[in-house]
Amino acid sequence: MLKYWFIAAATLSLGACSTIPDELAVANEDNLVTYTTALDNPAQAEGSSARWGGVIAEVSNSDDGTVIEVVNYPLNSYGRPVVTDNSDGRFRAVIDGFVDPMVYEKGRSVTFSGTIGAPVEDKIDEYRYLFPTLNASGRYLWKERQQNTAEVDYSSLWYRHYWYSQPYRIYYPVPVRTNGGSQKSGGDNN
């Protein structure tokens, strides 16, 4: 019986790890409108709840509030945008108040939740585009991910440790193909 309680506790604790941040929480997850639905049927989607995210393209502050133009990407299970080579398009998040463009800078990942507003027609460079809008009630700026690099040491295990290896390097002549296609010894690179 104790084993079943342990499994239930472990399942609940692991389920809590993949929750959405409190800033993006909504009352009913099932009623959220996707970005593509709002793009295809803007009149029907207006006033519905939504959670969209992506990468910031532009931030515009005015006395009326802030408009953040976002390149839309699909969200993973905890609400973070999954950046790929393809995007469904762009949307604009409307926020009451001031947002610092140095914090919400171009290229950062962000997720918004709120209600869908009326679409706005504007231009991206010279291309006319219909931007779905999201009147944001919640926002979450994601931390930048660190790129971890791993290097593989292909040397033999016997000579892998520097304290054991020889203090000098021996160069053995090996055949090397040059631009002309002929083979030369590895010792002369002329």
Protein backbone atom coordinates (compact mmCIF):
# COMPACT_ATOMS: atom_id res chain seq x y z
CA MET A 1 0.00 0.00 0.00
CA LEU A 2 2.88 2.36 0.78
CA LYS A 3 4.27 1.70 -2.68
CA TYR A 4 1.09 3.05 -4.31
CA TRP A 5 1.16 6.20 -2.17
CA PHE A 6 4.77 6.80 -3.19
CA ILE A 7 3.94 6.39 -6.89
CA ALA A 8 0.98 8.79 -6.57
CA ALA A 9 3.11 11.40 -4.77
CA ALA A 10 5.88 11.10 -7.38
CA THR A 11 3.38 11.49 -10.23
CA LEU A 12 1.84 14.61 -8.68
CA SER A 13 5.23 16.19 -7.99
CA LEU A 14 6.44 15.54 -11.55
CA GLY A 15 3.20 16.96 -12.94
CA ALA A 16 3.79 20.17 -11.01
CA CYS A 17 7.13 20.65 -12.79
CA SER A 18 5.49 21.27 -16.17
CA THR A 19 3.00 23.92 -15.09
CA ILE A 20 2.52 27.25 -16.77
CA PRO A 21 3.84 30.36 -14.94
CA ASP A 22 1.29 32.12 -12.72
CA GLU A 23 1.40 35.25 -14.92
CA LEU A 24 -0.02 33.23 -17.85
CA ALA A 25 -2.63 31.18 -15.98
CA VAL A 26 -6.21 31.30 -17.23
CA ALA A 27 -9.44 29.97 -15.73
CA ASN A 28 -10.17 27.44 -18.47
CA GLU A 29 -7.36 26.05 -20.62
CA ASP A 30 -9.81 24.36 -23.00
CA ASN A 31 -11.35 27.64 -24.20
CA LEU A 32 -8.08 29.19 -25.41
CA VAL A 33 -8.13 30.26 -29.06
CA THR A 34 -5.06 29.40 -31.13
CA TYR A 35 -3.22 31.93 -33.24
CA THR A 36 -4.16 30.26 -36.53
CA THR A 37 -7.86 30.30 -35.61
CA ALA A 38 -7.70 34.03 -34.86
CA LEU A 39 -5.84 34.61 -38.12
CA ASP A 40 -8.40 32.67 -40.20
CA ASN A 41 -11.57 33.95 -38.45
CA PRO A 42 -10.77 37.28 -36.78
CA ALA A 43 -14.41 38.32 -36.29
CA GLN A 44 -15.36 35.08 -34.51
CA ALA A 45 -12.24 35.05 -32.32
CA GLU A 46 -12.60 38.62 -31.07
CA GLY A 47 -13.21 38.74 -27.30
CA SER A 48 -12.03 35.16 -26.69
CA SER A 49 -9.22 34.18 -24.35
CA ALA A 50 -5.84 33.30 -25.83
CA ARG A 51 -2.24 32.51 -24.91
CA TRP A 52 0.27 33.27 -27.66
CA GLY A 53 4.01 33.62 -27.67
CA GLY A 54 7.04 34.07 -29.81
CA VAL A 55 10.05 36.30 -30.35
CA ILE A 56 9.87 40.09 -29.99
CA ALA A 57 10.24 41.94 -33.30
CA GLU A 58 9.47 45.51 -32.18
CA VAL A 59 8.38 47.50 -29.11
CA SER A 60 6.44 50.78 -29.48
CA ASN A 61 5.60 52.92 -26.43
CA SER A 62 3.09 55.78 -26.47
CA ASP A 63 0.89 57.67 -24.02
CA ASP A 64 -1.90 55.14 -24.66
CA GLY A 65 0.24 52.15 -23.72
CA THR A 66 2.69 49.75 -25.32
CA VAL A 67 2.38 47.67 -28.46
CA ILE A 68 4.77 44.74 -28.82
CA GLU A 69 5.01 43.11 -32.24
CA VAL A 70 5.78 39.41 -31.87
CA VAL A 71 6.77 36.74 -34.39
CA ASN A 72 4.43 33.90 -33.41
CA TYR A 73 5.70 30.40 -32.61
CA PRO A 74 3.88 27.42 -31.09
CA LEU A 75 4.08 27.01 -27.31
CA ASN A 76 5.31 23.95 -25.47
CA SER A 77 3.53 22.38 -22.49
CA TYR A 78 4.66 25.06 -20.03
CA GLY A 79 4.02 28.05 -22.32
CA ARG A 80 7.49 28.75 -23.72
CA PRO A 81 7.70 29.48 -27.48
CA VAL A 82 9.38 26.75 -29.51
CA VAL A 83 11.47 28.72 -32.00
CA THR A 84 11.81 27.00 -35.37
CA ASP A 85 12.58 28.04 -38.94
CA ASN A 86 8.86 28.49 -39.73
CA SER A 87 6.41 30.93 -38.21
CA ASP A 88 2.65 31.28 -38.63
CA GLY A 89 2.99 35.06 -38.80
CA ARG A 90 3.01 38.00 -36.41
CA PHE A 91 0.67 39.44 -33.83
CA ARG A 92 0.60 42.54 -31.68
CA ALA A 93 0.24 42.48 -27.93
CA VAL A 94 -1.33 45.62 -26.44
CA ILE A 95 -0.27 46.42 -22.87
CA ASP A 96 -1.53 49.19 -20.58
CA GLY A 97 1.41 51.24 -19.33
CA PHE A 98 5.08 51.50 -20.15
CA VAL A 99 7.37 48.60 -21.03
CA ASP A 100 11.10 49.24 -21.18
CA PRO A 101 12.44 48.38 -24.67
CA MET A 102 15.83 47.55 -23.17
CA VAL A 103 14.27 44.77 -21.08
CA TYR A 104 11.80 43.62 -23.73
CA GLU A 105 14.43 43.80 -26.43
CA LYS A 106 14.27 42.46 -29.97
CA GLY A 107 14.95 38.72 -30.16
CA ARG A 108 13.77 37.77 -26.64
CA SER A 109 11.17 35.03 -26.15
CA VAL A 110 7.90 36.17 -24.59
CA THR A 111 4.44 34.73 -23.93
CA PHE A 112 1.21 36.72 -23.48
CA SER A 113 -2.25 35.80 -22.22
CA GLY A 114 -5.36 37.93 -22.55
CA THR A 115 -8.35 38.58 -24.82
CA ILE A 116 -8.27 38.85 -28.58
CA GLY A 117 -8.98 42.32 -29.94
CA ALA A 118 -9.86 43.62 -33.38
CA PRO A 119 -7.18 42.95 -35.99
CA VAL A 120 -5.09 45.89 -37.20
CA GLU A 121 -3.91 46.33 -40.77
CA ASP A 122 -0.40 47.73 -41.06
CA LYS A 123 2.84 47.13 -42.97
CA ILE A 124 5.89 44.96 -42.45
CA ASP A 125 8.43 46.88 -44.53
CA GLU A 126 6.37 47.43 -47.72
CA TYR A 127 4.06 44.41 -47.32
CA ARG A 128 0.53 45.06 -46.07
CA TYR A 129 -0.30 42.68 -43.22
CA LEU A 130 -3.32 42.04 -41.00
CA PHE A 131 -2.06 41.76 -37.41
CA PRO A 132 -4.20 39.83 -34.92
CA THR A 133 -4.10 41.73 -31.61
CA LEU A 134 -4.05 40.42 -28.07
CA ASN A 135 -5.07 42.71 -25.21
CA ALA A 136 -2.55 41.31 -22.76
CA SER A 137 -3.52 40.80 -19.15
CA GLY A 138 -0.53 38.59 -18.40
CA ARG A 139 2.97 38.42 -19.81
CA TYR A 140 6.08 36.38 -19.17
CA LEU A 141 9.53 37.24 -20.50
CA TRP A 142 11.58 34.05 -20.72
CA LYS A 143 15.21 33.94 -19.62
CA GLU A 144 17.75 33.45 -22.35
CA ARG A 145 19.02 29.90 -22.59
CA GLN A 146 22.71 29.24 -22.21
CA GLN A 147 24.32 27.36 -25.07
CA ASN A 148 26.24 24.39 -23.69
CA THR A 149 28.99 23.03 -25.85
CA ALA A 150 30.55 19.63 -25.37
CA GLU A 151 33.85 18.65 -26.85
CA VAL A 152 34.68 15.04 -27.54
CA ASP A 153 38.23 13.84 -26.92
CA TYR A 154 38.97 11.17 -29.52
CA SER A 155 42.48 10.41 -28.29
CA SER A 156 43.16 7.02 -26.84
CA LEU A 157 42.29 6.54 -23.21
CA TRP A 158 45.88 5.68 -22.35
CA TYR A 159 47.24 9.10 -23.41
CA ARG A 160 44.19 11.19 -22.52
CA HIS A 161 45.54 12.59 -19.28
CA TYR A 162 47.98 15.46 -19.73
CA TRP A 163 50.14 14.49 -16.78
CA TYR A 164 50.91 11.19 -18.47
CA SER A 165 51.32 12.33 -22.08
CA GLN A 166 54.61 13.27 -23.64
CA PRO A 167 55.69 16.93 -23.36
CA TYR A 168 56.33 17.16 -27.11
CA ARG A 169 54.42 16.18 -30.16
CA ILE A 170 55.66 13.80 -32.83
CA TYR A 171 54.43 14.47 -36.35
CA TYR A 172 54.15 11.43 -38.58
CA PRO A 173 54.06 11.90 -42.36
CA VAL A 174 50.58 11.05 -43.60
CA PRO A 175 49.18 11.42 -47.12
CA VAL A 176 47.36 14.72 -47.56
CA ARG A 177 45.25 15.61 -50.59
CA THR A 178 45.78 19.15 -51.86
CA ASN A 179 43.67 21.24 -54.24
CA GLY A 180 45.36 19.78 -57.31
CA GLY A 181 44.29 16.27 -56.36
CA SER A 182 47.82 14.92 -55.92
CA GLN A 183 48.96 13.41 -52.69
CA LYS A 184 51.88 14.87 -50.75
CA SER A 185 53.48 13.94 -47.52
CA GLY A 186 51.97 15.62 -44.46
CA GLY A 187 55.34 17.10 -43.51
CA ASP A 188 55.57 19.65 -46.37
CA ASN A 189 52.57 21.84 -47.11
CA ASN A 190 54.10 23.69 -50.08
